[in-house]
């Protein structure tokens, strides 16, 4: 499996017909991922869409520092996301 649990309060990813899904904050650095969905209200979805993060977009994790910000690569742009936004992004391994 391509995920590793980092916090006790985070649940293990759910398996669906599309494969394993997990929050972005649990994925490994250096992985290429596809956004499966975004959990959250319209404000969160709109903010992430402005960054170019929406379902079916491809991202790569560049850096992560514990429970701090996570840096991702989206369409050749580096974006730093807080823990809460990273938790709202549900990803799956990119094909």
C-alpha atoms as a PDB file:
ATOM      1  CA  UNK A   1       0.000   0.000   0.000  1.00  0.00           C
ATOM      2  CA  UNK A   2       1.152   3.535  -0.671  1.00  0.00           C
ATOM      3  CA  UNK A   3      -0.030   5.124   2.561  1.00  0.00           C
ATOM      4  CA  UNK A   4       1.302   5.288   6.070  1.00  0.00           C
ATOM      5  CA  UNK A   5      -0.686   6.508   9.082  1.00  0.00           C
ATOM      6  CA  UNK A   6       0.863   9.516  10.792  1.00  0.00           C
ATOM      7  CA  UNK A   7      -1.680  10.449  13.467  1.00  0.00           C
ATOM      8  CA  UNK A   8      -3.747   8.323  15.807  1.00  0.00           C
ATOM      9  CA  UNK A   9      -6.915  10.318  15.149  1.00  0.00           C
ATOM     10  CA  UNK A  10      -6.771   9.820  11.344  1.00  0.00           C
ATOM     11  CA  UNK A  11      -8.683   6.888   9.952  1.00  0.00           C
ATOM     12  CA  UNK A  12      -7.215   4.340   7.563  1.00  0.00           C
ATOM     13  CA  UNK A  13      -8.124   4.972   3.925  1.00  0.00           C
ATOM     14  CA  UNK A  14     -11.265   3.491   2.518  1.00  0.00           C
ATOM     15  CA  UNK A  15     -11.077   1.047  -0.350  1.00  0.00           C
ATOM     16  CA  UNK A  16     -13.461   1.562  -3.235  1.00  0.00           C
ATOM     17  CA  UNK A  17     -13.783   0.236  -6.749  1.00  0.00           C
ATOM     18  CA  UNK A  18     -11.267   2.936  -7.812  1.00  0.00           C
ATOM     19  CA  UNK A  19      -8.581   1.861  -5.355  1.00  0.00           C
ATOM     20  CA  UNK A  20      -7.307   3.262  -2.081  1.00  0.00           C
ATOM     21  CA  UNK A  21      -8.195   6.811  -1.109  1.00  0.00           C
ATOM     22  CA  UNK A  22      -6.555   8.750   1.706  1.00  0.00           C
ATOM     23  CA  UNK A  23      -6.123  12.325   2.901  1.00  0.00           C
ATOM     24  CA  UNK A  24      -3.209  14.169   1.336  1.00  0.00           C
ATOM     25  CA  UNK A  25      -1.579  14.616   4.750  1.00  0.00           C
ATOM     26  CA  UNK A  26      -1.031  10.847   5.003  1.00  0.00           C
ATOM     27  CA  UNK A  27       0.643  10.378   1.616  1.00  0.00           C
ATOM     28  CA  UNK A  28       4.407  10.005   1.253  1.00  0.00           C
ATOM     29  CA  UNK A  29       6.791  12.731   0.054  1.00  0.00           C
ATOM     30  CA  UNK A  30       7.709  12.326  -3.618  1.00  0.00           C
ATOM     31  CA  UNK A  31       4.500  10.546  -4.614  1.00  0.00           C
ATOM     32  CA  UNK A  32       2.541  11.487  -7.707  1.00  0.00           C
ATOM     33  CA  UNK A  33      -1.140  11.470  -6.816  1.00  0.00           C
ATOM     34  CA  UNK A  34      -4.519  12.136  -8.380  1.00  0.00           C
ATOM     35  CA  UNK A  35      -7.112  14.111  -6.431  1.00  0.00           C
ATOM     36  CA  UNK A  36     -10.108  11.841  -5.869  1.00  0.00           C
ATOM     37  CA  UNK A  37     -12.302  14.366  -4.055  1.00  0.00           C
ATOM     38  CA  UNK A  38     -12.291  17.400  -1.803  1.00  0.00           C
ATOM     39  CA  UNK A  39     -14.056  17.191   1.530  1.00  0.00           C
ATOM     40  CA  UNK A  40     -15.319  20.501   2.765  1.00  0.00           C
ATOM     41  CA  UNK A  41     -17.642  23.331   2.009  1.00  0.00           C
ATOM     42  CA  UNK A  42     -17.824  25.648  -0.959  1.00  0.00           C
ATOM     43  CA  UNK A  43     -15.196  28.000   0.511  1.00  0.00           C
ATOM     44  CA  UNK A  44     -12.578  25.232   0.791  1.00  0.00           C
ATOM     45  CA  UNK A  45     -13.353  23.876  -2.669  1.00  0.00           C
ATOM     46  CA  UNK A  46     -13.184  27.347  -4.198  1.00  0.00           C
ATOM     47  CA  UNK A  47      -9.877  28.164  -2.493  1.00  0.00           C
ATOM     48  CA  UNK A  48      -8.291  24.909  -3.678  1.00  0.00           C
ATOM     49  CA  UNK A  49      -9.692  25.373  -7.202  1.00  0.00           C
ATOM     50  CA  UNK A  50      -7.961  28.774  -7.323  1.00  0.00           C
ATOM     51  CA  UNK A  51      -4.698  26.911  -6.657  1.00  0.00           C
ATOM     52  CA  UNK A  52      -5.492  24.417  -9.435  1.00  0.00           C
ATOM     53  CA  UNK A  53      -6.437  21.595  -7.062  1.00  0.00           C
ATOM     54  CA  UNK A  54      -9.704  19.912  -8.023  1.00  0.00           C
ATOM     55  CA  UNK A  55     -10.891  16.322  -8.621  1.00  0.00           C
ATOM     56  CA  UNK A  56      -8.879  14.477 -11.299  1.00  0.00           C
ATOM     57  CA  UNK A  57      -5.975  16.950 -11.094  1.00  0.00           C
ATOM     58  CA  UNK A  58      -2.508  15.496 -10.585  1.00  0.00           C
ATOM     59  CA  UNK A  59      -0.267  16.640  -7.758  1.00  0.00           C
ATOM     60  CA  UNK A  60       3.076  15.656  -6.280  1.00  0.00           C
ATOM     61  CA  UNK A  61       4.147  16.039  -2.659  1.00  0.00           C
ATOM     62  CA  UNK A  62       7.380  18.029  -2.485  1.00  0.00           C
ATOM     63  CA  UNK A  63       7.835  18.501   1.257  1.00  0.00           C
ATOM     64  CA  UNK A  64       6.043  17.920   4.533  1.00  0.00           C
ATOM     65  CA  UNK A  65       7.084  18.934   8.025  1.00  0.00           C
ATOM     66  CA  UNK A  66       5.276  16.941  10.700  1.00  0.00           C
ATOM     67  CA  UNK A  67       1.943  18.552  11.469  1.00  0.00           C
ATOM     68  CA  UNK A  68       2.934  21.769   9.710  1.00  0.00           C
ATOM     69  CA  UNK A  69       2.505  22.859   6.118  1.00  0.00           C
ATOM     70  CA  UNK A  70       2.702  20.458   3.209  1.00  0.00           C
ATOM     71  CA  UNK A  71       4.220  21.620  -0.089  1.00  0.00           C
ATOM     72  CA  UNK A  72       2.762  20.235  -3.299  1.00  0.00           C
ATOM     73  CA  UNK A  73       3.499  20.648  -6.986  1.00  0.00           C
ATOM     74  CA  UNK A  74       0.469  21.451  -9.144  1.00  0.00           C
ATOM     75  CA  UNK A  75       0.989  22.210 -12.841  1.00  0.00           C
ATOM     76  CA  UNK A  76       4.623  23.294 -12.282  1.00  0.00           C
ATOM     77  CA  UNK A  77       3.673  25.572  -9.357  1.00  0.00           C
ATOM     78  CA  UNK A  78       4.691  24.933  -5.759  1.00  0.00           C
ATOM     79  CA  UNK A  79       1.927  25.509  -3.239  1.00  0.00           C
ATOM     80  CA  UNK A  80       2.161  25.334   0.554  1.00  0.00           C
ATOM     81  CA  UNK A  81      -1.007  24.133   2.243  1.00  0.00           C
ATOM     82  CA  UNK A  82      -1.879  24.121   5.926  1.00  0.00           C
ATOM     83  CA  UNK A  83      -2.750  20.927   7.761  1.00  0.00           C
ATOM     84  CA  UNK A  84      -6.531  21.589   7.516  1.00  0.00           C
ATOM     85  CA  UNK A  85      -6.504  22.097   3.740  1.00  0.00           C
ATOM     86  CA  UNK A  86      -4.253  19.057   3.302  1.00  0.00           C
ATOM     87  CA  UNK A  87      -6.698  16.963   5.293  1.00  0.00           C
ATOM     88  CA  UNK A  88      -9.589  18.071   3.048  1.00  0.00           C
ATOM     89  CA  UNK A  89      -7.905  16.750  -0.119  1.00  0.00           C
ATOM     90  CA  UNK A  90      -8.585  13.058  -0.700  1.00  0.00           C
ATOM     91  CA  UNK A  91      -6.085  11.474  -3.087  1.00  0.00           C
ATOM     92  CA  UNK A  92      -5.357   8.169  -4.781  1.00  0.00           C
ATOM     93  CA  UNK A  93      -2.221   6.817  -6.362  1.00  0.00           C
ATOM     94  CA  UNK A  94      -1.777   8.237  -9.853  1.00  0.00           C
ATOM     95  CA  UNK A  95      -1.618   5.746 -12.718  1.00  0.00           C
END
